[in-house]
Amino acid sequence: MTSGEGAGALPPRHQMLPAGWIAEVVTYLEMHAPPQPRPEPAAGGMALQRIHPDVVGFLERFRRVGEPWLWASRLRLDNSALTAILTADAVEIYDLMIGPDTVGLLELDFRQNGACELAFFGVVPEAIGVGAGRFLMNRAIERVWGRAPRIGRFWVHTCSNDHPDALAFYIRSGFIPYARGVECSPDPRLEGVLPREAAPQIPVI
């Protein structure tokens, strides 16, 4: 099918965004069975710790991990909406620790019957490249598929503003891409949600 044909036809190829907006290509991925475990570095003091953070504690972690990639969704929620997520019985939040230091964030959302969303996953910039992401993903997969057969689908979405290796990392981890979309939103740096100097690799326009 060529561009412009069929009920799902897209608008013209080039779309100009209003000043102050950003666009990102979003890829959706899923798995329906546990993958073969991937080797990980020796733990090196790494540990996963379930937490029950309040709004302030969660957002501090969210910013440390996500600011370089313009994570802003949770920063736009009011306190009551975010508290409802953080206190939901079916939402599990974990710190990744290296010794006494918190270096990563994992949020597993089991609120959809029979499925789990990898809602947030990442490590702080200084922990990239030391095996922390692989350790964290292996623990996430263990926790999700430890609930089988009640859980039959584990899914995640990532975007083109995320770490350049994020999509490939998820595929190596056993997720299979199944859909793609485009998301447009106000630039959080111009909203004041994130600092102006965040994510310098993405120009402010």
N, C-alpha and C. Protein backbone atom coordinates (compact mmCIF):
# COMPACT_ATOMS: atom_id res chain seq x y z
N MET A 1 0.85 -1.19 0.00
CA MET A 1 0.00 0.00 0.00
C MET A 1 0.88 1.23 0.00
N THR A 2 0.62 2.16 -0.88
CA THR A 2 1.41 3.39 -0.94
C THR A 2 0.84 4.43 -0.01
N SER A 3 1.67 5.44 0.28
CA SER A 3 1.24 6.52 1.15
C SER A 3 -0.01 7.18 0.60
N GLY A 4 -1.01 7.37 1.48
CA GLY A 4 -2.23 8.03 1.06
C GLY A 4 -3.35 7.07 0.72
N GLU A 5 -3.10 5.74 0.70
CA GLU A 5 -4.13 4.78 0.36
C GLU A 5 -4.77 4.22 1.61
N GLY A 6 -6.02 3.85 1.52
CA GLY A 6 -6.67 3.08 2.56
C GLY A 6 -7.21 3.93 3.69
N ALA A 7 -8.00 3.26 4.55
CA ALA A 7 -8.67 3.96 5.64
C ALA A 7 -7.68 4.51 6.65
N GLY A 8 -6.51 3.86 6.77
CA GLY A 8 -5.53 4.32 7.75
C GLY A 8 -4.52 5.28 7.17
N ALA A 9 -4.87 5.97 6.10
CA ALA A 9 -3.92 6.85 5.43
C ALA A 9 -3.42 7.94 6.36
N LEU A 10 -2.15 8.26 6.22
CA LEU A 10 -1.53 9.29 7.03
C LEU A 10 -1.61 10.64 6.31
N PRO A 11 -1.51 11.74 7.06
CA PRO A 11 -1.45 13.05 6.43
C PRO A 11 -0.13 13.21 5.69
N PRO A 12 0.06 14.33 4.97
CA PRO A 12 1.31 14.52 4.23
C PRO A 12 2.53 14.25 5.09
N ARG A 13 3.59 13.81 4.44
CA ARG A 13 4.76 13.27 5.13
C ARG A 13 5.37 14.25 6.11
N HIS A 14 5.49 15.53 5.75
CA HIS A 14 6.14 16.49 6.62
C HIS A 14 5.08 17.34 7.32
N GLN A 15 5.14 17.34 8.64
CA GLN A 15 4.22 18.13 9.45
C GLN A 15 5.03 19.09 10.31
N MET A 16 4.70 20.35 10.24
CA MET A 16 5.38 21.34 11.07
C MET A 16 4.70 21.43 12.42
N LEU A 17 5.50 21.44 13.47
CA LEU A 17 4.96 21.58 14.82
C LEU A 17 4.93 23.05 15.21
N PRO A 18 3.99 23.42 16.06
CA PRO A 18 4.04 24.78 16.59
C PRO A 18 5.31 24.99 17.40
N ALA A 19 5.78 26.22 17.45
CA ALA A 19 6.93 26.53 18.30
C ALA A 19 6.65 26.11 19.73
N GLY A 20 7.65 25.53 20.38
CA GLY A 20 7.48 25.11 21.76
C GLY A 20 6.94 23.70 21.93
N TRP A 21 6.77 22.96 20.82
CA TRP A 21 6.31 21.58 20.90
C TRP A 21 7.42 20.64 20.46
N ILE A 22 7.34 19.41 20.95
CA ILE A 22 8.27 18.36 20.53
C ILE A 22 7.47 17.17 20.04
N ALA A 23 8.10 16.37 19.19
CA ALA A 23 7.49 15.14 18.69
C ALA A 23 8.44 13.99 18.91
N GLU A 24 7.89 12.82 19.11
CA GLU A 24 8.72 11.63 19.30
C GLU A 24 8.02 10.43 18.69
N VAL A 25 8.81 9.56 18.10
CA VAL A 25 8.29 8.30 17.58
C VAL A 25 8.25 7.30 18.73
N VAL A 26 7.08 6.72 18.96
CA VAL A 26 6.87 5.79 20.06
C VAL A 26 6.76 4.38 19.50
N THR A 27 7.54 3.46 20.06
CA THR A 27 7.47 2.06 19.68
C THR A 27 6.92 1.25 20.85
N TYR A 28 5.93 0.42 20.57
CA TYR A 28 5.29 -0.42 21.58
C TYR A 28 5.82 -1.85 21.41
N LEU A 29 6.17 -2.47 22.54
CA LEU A 29 6.75 -3.82 22.51
C LEU A 29 6.06 -4.68 23.56
N GLU A 30 6.11 -6.00 23.35
CA GLU A 30 5.49 -6.91 24.30
C GLU A 30 6.20 -8.26 24.26
N MET A 31 5.97 -9.03 25.32
CA MET A 31 6.35 -10.44 25.35
C MET A 31 5.21 -11.21 25.99
N HIS A 32 5.07 -12.47 25.58
CA HIS A 32 3.97 -13.30 26.09
C HIS A 32 4.47 -14.54 26.82
N ALA A 33 5.75 -14.65 26.99
CA ALA A 33 6.35 -15.75 27.75
C ALA A 33 7.73 -15.29 28.20
N PRO A 34 8.24 -15.86 29.27
CA PRO A 34 9.56 -15.43 29.74
C PRO A 34 10.64 -15.77 28.74
N PRO A 35 11.53 -14.83 28.45
CA PRO A 35 12.63 -15.10 27.52
C PRO A 35 13.74 -15.88 28.21
N GLN A 36 14.68 -16.36 27.41
CA GLN A 36 15.88 -16.95 27.99
C GLN A 36 16.63 -15.89 28.79
N PRO A 37 17.08 -16.22 30.01
CA PRO A 37 17.81 -15.21 30.80
C PRO A 37 19.05 -14.74 30.06
N ARG A 38 19.29 -13.45 30.12
CA ARG A 38 20.48 -12.89 29.51
C ARG A 38 21.57 -12.75 30.57
N PRO A 39 22.81 -13.04 30.21
CA PRO A 39 23.88 -12.93 31.20
C PRO A 39 24.02 -11.50 31.69
N GLU A 40 24.39 -11.37 32.93
CA GLU A 40 24.59 -10.05 33.51
C GLU A 40 25.92 -10.04 34.25
N PRO A 41 26.51 -8.88 34.44
CA PRO A 41 27.76 -8.82 35.19
C PRO A 41 27.56 -9.31 36.61
N ALA A 42 28.64 -9.68 37.24
CA ALA A 42 28.57 -10.00 38.67
C ALA A 42 27.89 -8.85 39.38
N ALA A 43 27.05 -9.18 40.36
CA ALA A 43 26.18 -8.18 40.96
C ALA A 43 26.93 -6.93 41.42
N GLY A 44 28.14 -7.07 41.90
CA GLY A 44 28.92 -5.89 42.27
C GLY A 44 28.22 -4.98 43.25
N GLY A 45 27.54 -5.57 44.22
CA GLY A 45 26.84 -4.76 45.22
C GLY A 45 25.46 -4.29 44.78
N MET A 46 24.97 -4.75 43.61
CA MET A 46 23.65 -4.34 43.14
C MET A 46 22.56 -5.10 43.87
N ALA A 47 21.47 -4.41 44.15
CA ALA A 47 20.33 -5.04 44.81
C ALA A 47 19.07 -4.28 44.43
N LEU A 48 17.95 -4.99 44.44
CA LEU A 48 16.66 -4.37 44.16
C LEU A 48 15.90 -4.25 45.48
N GLN A 49 15.30 -3.12 45.69
CA GLN A 49 14.61 -2.86 46.96
C GLN A 49 13.24 -2.26 46.67
N ARG A 50 12.19 -2.97 47.07
CA ARG A 50 10.85 -2.41 46.88
C ARG A 50 10.65 -1.24 47.83
N ILE A 51 10.02 -0.19 47.30
CA ILE A 51 9.80 1.02 48.10
C ILE A 51 8.35 1.43 47.99
N HIS A 52 7.93 2.30 48.89
CA HIS A 52 6.59 2.88 48.88
C HIS A 52 6.75 4.39 49.02
N PRO A 53 7.22 5.04 47.96
CA PRO A 53 7.57 6.45 48.08
C PRO A 53 6.36 7.36 48.12
N ASP A 54 6.53 8.51 48.77
CA ASP A 54 5.54 9.56 48.64
C ASP A 54 5.82 10.32 47.35
N VAL A 55 5.01 11.32 47.07
CA VAL A 55 5.15 12.06 45.81
C VAL A 55 6.52 12.69 45.69
N VAL A 56 7.00 13.32 46.74
CA VAL A 56 8.29 14.00 46.69
C VAL A 56 9.41 13.00 46.43
N GLY A 57 9.40 11.88 47.14
CA GLY A 57 10.45 10.88 46.95
C GLY A 57 10.43 10.26 45.58
N PHE A 58 9.23 10.00 45.07
CA PHE A 58 9.14 9.41 43.73
C PHE A 58 9.64 10.38 42.67
N LEU A 59 9.21 11.62 42.74
CA LEU A 59 9.60 12.58 41.72
C LEU A 59 11.09 12.87 41.74
N GLU A 60 11.70 12.80 42.91
CA GLU A 60 13.15 12.98 42.97
C GLU A 60 13.84 11.88 42.18
N ARG A 61 13.39 10.65 42.34
CA ARG A 61 13.95 9.52 41.59
C ARG A 61 13.63 9.66 40.09
N PHE A 62 12.40 10.02 39.79
CA PHE A 62 11.95 10.17 38.41
C PHE A 62 12.80 11.19 37.67
N ARG A 63 13.08 12.30 38.31
CA ARG A 63 13.91 13.33 37.68
C ARG A 63 15.34 12.86 37.47
N ARG A 64 15.92 12.20 38.46
CA ARG A 64 17.31 11.77 38.34
C ARG A 64 17.50 10.82 37.18
N VAL A 65 16.54 9.93 37.00
CA VAL A 65 16.65 8.94 35.92
C VAL A 65 16.20 9.53 34.59
N GLY A 66 15.11 10.28 34.58
CA GLY A 66 14.47 10.63 33.33
C GLY A 66 14.76 12.00 32.76
N GLU A 67 15.33 12.90 33.54
CA GLU A 67 15.53 14.26 33.03
C GLU A 67 16.37 14.30 31.76
N PRO A 68 17.44 13.49 31.62
CA PRO A 68 18.22 13.54 30.38
C PRO A 68 17.43 13.14 29.15
N TRP A 69 16.26 12.50 29.33
CA TRP A 69 15.48 12.01 28.20
C TRP A 69 14.11 12.68 28.13
N LEU A 70 13.97 13.79 28.83
CA LEU A 70 12.73 14.58 28.84
C LEU A 70 11.53 13.82 29.37
N TRP A 71 11.72 12.92 30.34
CA TRP A 71 10.58 12.31 31.00
C TRP A 71 9.80 13.43 31.69
N ALA A 72 8.53 13.55 31.40
CA ALA A 72 7.75 14.63 31.99
C ALA A 72 6.35 14.22 32.41
N SER A 73 5.90 13.03 32.01
CA SER A 73 4.50 12.67 32.24
C SER A 73 4.10 12.75 33.70
N ARG A 74 4.92 12.23 34.58
CA ARG A 74 4.56 12.23 35.99
C ARG A 74 4.72 13.63 36.62
N LEU A 75 5.54 14.46 36.01
CA LEU A 75 5.72 15.81 36.51
C LEU A 75 4.51 16.68 36.23
N ARG A 76 3.71 16.27 35.25
CA ARG A 76 2.52 17.04 34.88
C ARG A 76 1.29 16.64 35.70
N LEU A 77 1.36 15.52 36.42
CA LEU A 77 0.23 15.08 37.22
C LEU A 77 0.11 15.90 38.49
N ASP A 78 -1.13 16.14 38.93
CA ASP A 78 -1.27 16.76 40.24
C ASP A 78 -1.01 15.72 41.33
N ASN A 79 -0.81 16.18 42.55
CA ASN A 79 -0.40 15.28 43.63
C ASN A 79 -1.41 14.18 43.90
N SER A 80 -2.69 14.49 43.78
CA SER A 80 -3.70 13.47 44.09
C SER A 80 -3.68 12.36 43.04
N ALA A 81 -3.53 12.73 41.78
CA ALA A 81 -3.49 11.71 40.73
C ALA A 81 -2.25 10.84 40.85
N LEU A 82 -1.10 11.46 41.16
CA LEU A 82 0.12 10.68 41.31
C LEU A 82 0.07 9.81 42.55
N THR A 83 -0.47 10.32 43.63
CA THR A 83 -0.60 9.53 44.86
C THR A 83 -1.46 8.29 44.62
N ALA A 84 -2.52 8.44 43.82
CA ALA A 84 -3.40 7.30 43.53
C ALA A 84 -2.63 6.19 42.84
N ILE A 85 -1.69 6.55 41.96
CA ILE A 85 -0.86 5.54 41.29
C ILE A 85 0.11 4.92 42.27
N LEU A 86 0.81 5.76 43.02
CA LEU A 86 1.87 5.28 43.90
C LEU A 86 1.34 4.38 45.01
N THR A 87 0.10 4.56 45.40
CA THR A 87 -0.46 3.79 46.51
C THR A 87 -1.34 2.63 46.04
N ALA A 88 -1.47 2.45 44.73
CA ALA A 88 -2.29 1.35 44.21
C ALA A 88 -1.65 0.01 44.56
N ASP A 89 -2.46 -0.93 45.02
CA ASP A 89 -1.93 -2.25 45.40
C ASP A 89 -1.26 -2.96 44.23
N ALA A 90 -1.73 -2.69 43.02
CA ALA A 90 -1.22 -3.41 41.85
C ALA A 90 -0.05 -2.69 41.17
N VAL A 91 0.48 -1.66 41.79
CA VAL A 91 1.66 -0.96 41.26
C VAL A 91 2.83 -1.22 42.21
N GLU A 92 3.93 -1.72 41.63
CA GLU A 92 5.13 -2.02 42.43
C GLU A 92 6.26 -1.12 41.96
N ILE A 93 6.93 -0.48 42.93
CA ILE A 93 8.02 0.45 42.63
C ILE A 93 9.27 -0.02 43.36
N TYR A 94 10.38 0.01 42.65
CA TYR A 94 11.63 -0.50 43.20
C TYR A 94 12.76 0.51 42.97
N ASP A 95 13.66 0.56 43.92
CA ASP A 95 14.96 1.22 43.75
C ASP A 95 15.98 0.18 43.33
N LEU A 96 16.86 0.56 42.41
CA LEU A 96 18.06 -0.23 42.15
C LEU A 96 19.18 0.40 42.96
N MET A 97 19.82 -0.40 43.78
CA MET A 97 20.88 0.08 44.66
C MET A 97 22.22 -0.49 44.22
N ILE A 98 23.24 0.33 44.28
CA ILE A 98 24.62 -0.13 44.23
C ILE A 98 25.25 0.31 45.53
N GLY A 99 25.45 -0.65 46.42
CA GLY A 99 25.86 -0.28 47.77
C GLY A 99 24.79 0.59 48.39
N PRO A 100 25.15 1.74 48.96
CA PRO A 100 24.16 2.60 49.60
C PRO A 100 23.47 3.56 48.65
N ASP A 101 23.86 3.56 47.37
CA ASP A 101 23.39 4.57 46.43
C ASP A 101 22.22 4.07 45.59
N THR A 102 21.20 4.91 45.44
CA THR A 102 20.08 4.62 44.56
C THR A 102 20.45 5.04 43.15
N VAL A 103 20.46 4.08 42.22
CA VAL A 103 20.94 4.37 40.86
C VAL A 103 19.92 4.03 39.79
N GLY A 104 18.75 3.51 40.15
CA GLY A 104 17.79 3.14 39.13
C GLY A 104 16.38 3.09 39.68
N LEU A 105 15.42 3.14 38.75
CA LEU A 105 14.00 3.14 39.09
C LEU A 105 13.29 2.11 38.23
N LEU A 106 12.43 1.32 38.86
CA LEU A 106 11.61 0.33 38.18
C LEU A 106 10.18 0.46 38.70
N GLU A 107 9.23 0.58 37.78
CA GLU A 107 7.82 0.58 38.15
C GLU A 107 7.09 -0.47 37.31
N LEU A 108 6.46 -1.41 37.98
CA LEU A 108 5.68 -2.46 37.34
C LEU A 108 4.20 -2.21 37.65
N ASP A 109 3.39 -2.13 36.61
CA ASP A 109 1.98 -1.80 36.77
C ASP A 109 1.14 -3.02 36.37
N PHE A 110 0.53 -3.66 37.37
CA PHE A 110 -0.27 -4.85 37.17
C PHE A 110 -1.77 -4.54 37.18
N ARG A 111 -2.15 -3.30 37.00
CA ARG A 111 -3.56 -2.94 37.14
C ARG A 111 -4.43 -3.48 36.01
N GLN A 112 -3.86 -3.76 34.86
CA GLN A 112 -4.64 -4.38 33.78
C GLN A 112 -4.68 -5.88 33.98
N ASN A 113 -5.87 -6.45 33.99
CA ASN A 113 -6.01 -7.88 34.25
C ASN A 113 -5.22 -8.71 33.25
N GLY A 114 -4.36 -9.60 33.77
CA GLY A 114 -3.62 -10.52 32.93
C GLY A 114 -2.39 -9.93 32.28
N ALA A 115 -2.05 -8.69 32.59
CA ALA A 115 -0.92 -8.04 31.93
C ALA A 115 -0.14 -7.21 32.93
N CYS A 116 1.08 -6.89 32.55
CA CYS A 116 1.91 -5.98 33.33
C CYS A 116 2.55 -4.99 32.37
N GLU A 117 2.47 -3.72 32.71
CA GLU A 117 3.18 -2.69 31.95
C GLU A 117 4.48 -2.35 32.66
N LEU A 118 5.57 -2.36 31.92
CA LEU A 118 6.83 -1.82 32.42
C LEU A 118 6.70 -0.31 32.32
N ALA A 119 6.15 0.29 33.36
CA ALA A 119 5.73 1.68 33.28
C ALA A 119 6.93 2.63 33.23
N PHE A 120 7.90 2.42 34.11
CA PHE A 120 9.12 3.22 34.10
C PHE A 120 10.31 2.32 34.43
N PHE A 121 11.38 2.55 33.69
CA PHE A 121 12.57 1.72 33.82
C PHE A 121 13.76 2.57 33.41
N GLY A 122 14.76 2.65 34.26
CA GLY A 122 15.95 3.39 33.87
C GLY A 122 16.94 3.50 35.00
N VAL A 123 18.14 3.89 34.63
CA VAL A 123 19.21 4.11 35.60
C VAL A 123 19.74 5.52 35.43
N VAL A 124 20.36 6.03 36.47
CA VAL A 124 20.93 7.38 36.42
C VAL A 124 22.11 7.38 35.44
N PRO A 125 22.45 8.54 34.88
CA PRO A 125 23.50 8.59 33.86
C PRO A 125 24.81 7.95 34.28
N GLU A 126 25.21 8.14 35.53
CA GLU A 126 26.50 7.62 35.96
C GLU A 126 26.51 6.10 36.11
N ALA A 127 25.33 5.46 36.05
CA ALA A 127 25.26 3.99 36.15
C ALA A 127 25.09 3.33 34.78
N ILE A 128 25.03 4.11 33.71
CA ILE A 128 24.92 3.54 32.37
C ILE A 128 26.26 2.92 31.98
N GLY A 129 26.19 1.71 31.45
CA GLY A 129 27.40 1.06 30.95
C GLY A 129 28.10 0.15 31.94
N VAL A 130 27.53 -0.03 33.14
CA VAL A 130 28.17 -0.89 34.13
C VAL A 130 27.37 -2.17 34.38
N GLY A 131 26.35 -2.41 33.56
CA GLY A 131 25.52 -3.60 33.73
C GLY A 131 24.31 -3.40 34.61
N ALA A 132 24.09 -2.17 35.07
CA ALA A 132 22.96 -1.91 35.97
C ALA A 132 21.63 -2.13 35.26
N GLY A 133 21.53 -1.70 33.99
CA GLY A 133 20.29 -1.88 33.26
C GLY A 133 19.96 -3.34 33.05
N ARG A 134 20.96 -4.15 32.72
CA ARG A 134 20.73 -5.58 32.53
C ARG A 134 20.30 -6.22 33.84
N PHE A 135 20.97 -5.89 34.94
CA PHE A 135 20.58 -6.43 36.25
C PHE A 135 19.13 -6.07 36.56
N LEU A 136 18.78 -4.80 36.32
CA LEU A 136 17.43 -4.34 36.63
C LEU A 136 16.40 -5.04 35.76
N MET A 137 16.68 -5.20 34.48
CA MET A 137 15.73 -5.88 33.59
C MET A 137 15.56 -7.34 33.97
N ASN A 138 16.63 -8.02 34.29
CA ASN A 138 16.50 -9.43 34.69
C ASN A 138 15.61 -9.58 35.92
N ARG A 139 15.75 -8.65 36.87
CA ARG A 139 14.91 -8.72 38.06
C ARG A 139 13.46 -8.41 37.71
N ALA A 140 13.23 -7.47 36.80
CA ALA A 140 11.86 -7.15 36.40
C ALA A 140 11.21 -8.36 35.75
N ILE A 141 11.91 -9.00 34.84
CA ILE A 141 11.36 -10.17 34.14
C ILE A 141 11.05 -11.29 35.14
N GLU A 142 11.94 -11.50 36.09
CA GLU A 142 11.69 -12.52 37.12
C GLU A 142 10.40 -12.23 37.89
N ARG A 143 10.21 -10.98 38.26
CA ARG A 143 9.04 -10.64 39.07
C ARG A 143 7.74 -10.75 38.28
N VAL A 144 7.78 -10.35 37.03
CA VAL A 144 6.56 -10.42 36.22
C VAL A 144 6.19 -11.86 35.93
N TRP A 145 7.13 -12.64 35.42
CA TRP A 145 6.79 -14.00 35.02
C TRP A 145 6.71 -14.95 36.20
N GLY A 146 7.15 -14.50 37.36
CA GLY A 146 6.89 -15.26 38.56
C GLY A 146 5.41 -15.33 38.91
N ARG A 147 4.60 -14.49 38.27
CA ARG A 147 3.16 -14.46 38.50
C ARG A 147 2.39 -15.27 37.47
N ALA A 148 3.08 -15.84 36.49
CA ALA A 148 2.39 -16.67 35.50
C ALA A 148 1.70 -17.85 36.22
N PRO A 149 0.54 -18.32 35.77
CA PRO A 149 -0.16 -17.94 34.54
C PRO A 149 -1.11 -16.76 34.69
N ARG A 150 -1.15 -16.12 35.87
CA ARG A 150 -2.06 -14.98 36.01
C ARG A 150 -1.67 -13.84 35.09
N ILE A 151 -0.38 -13.74 34.78
CA ILE A 151 0.12 -12.73 33.86
C ILE A 151 0.50 -13.41 32.55
N GLY A 152 -0.05 -12.92 31.44
CA GLY A 152 0.25 -13.51 30.15
C GLY A 152 0.86 -12.52 29.17
N ARG A 153 1.02 -11.27 29.59
CA ARG A 153 1.56 -10.26 28.68
C ARG A 153 2.34 -9.23 29.49
N PHE A 154 3.55 -8.96 29.04
CA PHE A 154 4.43 -7.95 29.64
C PHE A 154 4.76 -6.96 28.53
N TRP A 155 4.45 -5.69 28.73
CA TRP A 155 4.61 -4.74 27.62
C TRP A 155 5.24 -3.44 28.09
N VAL A 156 5.75 -2.71 27.12
CA VAL A 156 6.46 -1.45 27.40
C VAL A 156 6.38 -0.59 26.15
N HIS A 157 6.52 0.70 26.31
CA HIS A 157 6.73 1.55 25.14
C HIS A 157 7.94 2.43 25.39
N THR A 158 8.64 2.74 24.31
CA THR A 158 9.80 3.61 24.38
C THR A 158 9.71 4.59 23.23
N CYS A 159 10.48 5.66 23.30
CA CYS A 159 10.35 6.70 22.28
C CYS A 159 11.72 7.14 21.79
N SER A 160 11.70 7.89 20.70
CA SER A 160 12.95 8.31 20.06
C SER A 160 13.70 9.36 20.86
N ASN A 161 13.09 9.91 21.90
CA ASN A 161 13.81 10.84 22.78
C ASN A 161 14.50 10.13 23.93
N ASP A 162 14.30 8.82 24.03
CA ASP A 162 14.91 8.05 25.11
C ASP A 162 16.38 7.78 24.77
N HIS A 163 17.07 7.06 25.66
CA HIS A 163 18.46 6.69 25.41
C HIS A 163 18.57 6.05 24.03
N PRO A 164 19.61 6.37 23.25
CA PRO A 164 19.71 5.85 21.88
C PRO A 164 19.68 4.33 21.79
N ASP A 165 20.07 3.63 22.84
CA ASP A 165 20.08 2.17 22.81
C ASP A 165 18.84 1.56 23.44
N ALA A 166 17.88 2.38 23.86
CA ALA A 166 16.75 1.85 24.61
C ALA A 166 15.95 0.82 23.82
N LEU A 167 15.59 1.15 22.59
CA LEU A 167 14.78 0.23 21.80
C LEU A 167 15.52 -1.08 21.57
N ALA A 168 16.79 -1.01 21.18
CA ALA A 168 17.57 -2.23 20.96
C ALA A 168 17.71 -3.03 22.25
N PHE A 169 17.85 -2.35 23.37
CA PHE A 169 17.96 -3.03 24.67
C PHE A 169 16.70 -3.83 24.96
N TYR A 170 15.53 -3.23 24.73
CA TYR A 170 14.28 -3.93 24.99
C TYR A 170 14.14 -5.15 24.07
N ILE A 171 14.53 -5.00 22.82
CA ILE A 171 14.46 -6.13 21.90
C ILE A 171 15.41 -7.24 22.34
N ARG A 172 16.64 -6.88 22.72
CA ARG A 172 17.58 -7.89 23.22
C ARG A 172 17.03 -8.58 24.47
N SER A 173 16.22 -7.87 25.23
CA SER A 173 15.68 -8.42 26.47
C SER A 173 14.52 -9.37 26.23
N GLY A 174 14.03 -9.47 25.00
CA GLY A 174 12.96 -10.40 24.68
C GLY A 174 11.64 -9.77 24.29
N PHE A 175 11.55 -8.44 24.32
CA PHE A 175 10.34 -7.77 23.88
C PHE A 175 10.29 -7.73 22.35
N ILE A 176 9.09 -7.83 21.80
CA ILE A 176 8.90 -7.82 20.36
C ILE A 176 8.08 -6.58 19.98
N PRO A 177 8.57 -5.73 19.08
CA PRO A 177 7.79 -4.56 18.66
C PRO A 177 6.50 -4.98 17.95
N TYR A 178 5.39 -4.27 18.25
CA TYR A 178 4.13 -4.61 17.59
C TYR A 178 3.39 -3.39 17.06
N ALA A 179 3.80 -2.18 17.43
CA ALA A 179 3.10 -0.99 16.93
C ALA A 179 4.02 0.21 17.06
N ARG A 180 3.70 1.24 16.27
CA ARG A 180 4.49 2.47 16.30
C ARG A 180 3.54 3.65 16.15
N GLY A 181 3.85 4.73 16.84
CA GLY A 181 3.04 5.94 16.73
C GLY A 181 3.90 7.17 16.87
N VAL A 182 3.27 8.32 16.77
CA VAL A 182 3.94 9.61 16.96
C VAL A 182 3.20 10.37 18.06
N GLU A 183 3.95 10.87 19.01
CA GLU A 183 3.37 11.62 20.11
C GLU A 183 3.91 13.05 20.09
N CYS A 184 3.03 14.01 20.17
CA CYS A 184 3.41 15.42 20.20
C CYS A 184 2.95 16.02 21.52
N SER A 185 3.78 16.87 22.09
CA SER A 185 3.44 17.48 23.37
C SER A 185 4.22 18.77 23.54
N PRO A 186 3.77 19.63 24.44
CA PRO A 186 4.56 20.83 24.72
C PRO A 186 5.93 20.45 25.28
N ASP A 187 6.94 21.22 24.93
CA ASP A 187 8.29 20.98 25.45
C ASP A 187 8.28 21.26 26.95
N PRO A 188 8.58 20.25 27.77
CA PRO A 188 8.50 20.45 29.23
C PRO A 188 9.49 21.49 29.75
N ARG A 189 10.55 21.76 28.99
CA ARG A 189 11.51 22.78 29.42
C ARG A 189 10.92 24.17 29.28
N LEU A 190 10.06 24.37 28.30
CA LEU A 190 9.42 25.66 28.12
C LEU A 190 8.20 25.81 29.03
N GLU A 191 7.64 24.69 29.44
CA GLU A 191 6.55 24.72 30.42
C GLU A 191 7.07 25.04 31.82
N GLY A 192 8.38 24.85 32.04
CA GLY A 192 8.92 24.98 33.38
C GLY A 192 8.85 23.71 34.18
N VAL A 193 8.45 22.61 33.53
CA VAL A 193 8.37 21.32 34.21
C VAL A 193 9.76 20.73 34.41
N LEU A 194 10.65 20.96 33.44
CA LEU A 194 12.04 20.53 33.52
C LEU A 194 12.94 21.74 33.30
N PRO A 195 14.19 21.67 33.77
CA PRO A 195 15.10 22.80 33.57
C PRO A 195 15.38 23.04 32.09
N ARG A 196 15.64 24.28 31.75
CA ARG A 196 15.91 24.63 30.36
C ARG A 196 17.11 23.85 29.82
N GLU A 197 18.08 23.54 30.66
CA GLU A 197 19.29 22.87 30.20
C GLU A 197 19.15 21.35 30.11
N ALA A 198 17.99 20.79 30.45
CA ALA A 198 17.80 19.34 30.37
C ALA A 198 17.86 18.88 28.91
N ALA A 199 18.36 17.66 28.70
CA ALA A 199 18.40 17.01 27.38
C ALA A 199 18.92 17.94 26.30
N PRO A 200 20.17 18.40 26.43
CA PRO A 200 20.70 19.34 25.42
C PRO A 200 20.77 18.74 24.02
N GLN A 201 20.71 17.42 23.91
CA GLN A 201 20.74 16.78 22.58
C GLN A 201 19.44 17.02 21.81
N ILE A 202 18.40 17.51 22.48
CA ILE A 202 17.14 17.81 21.83
C ILE A 202 16.97 19.33 21.85
N PRO A 203 17.08 20.00 20.73
CA PRO A 203 17.07 21.46 20.74
C PRO A 203 15.74 22.04 21.19
N VAL A 204 15.82 23.15 21.88
CA VAL A 204 14.63 23.92 22.25
C VAL A 204 14.31 24.84 21.08
N ILE A 205 13.09 24.73 20.56
CA ILE A 205 12.70 25.53 19.40
C ILE A 205 11.42 26.30 19.73
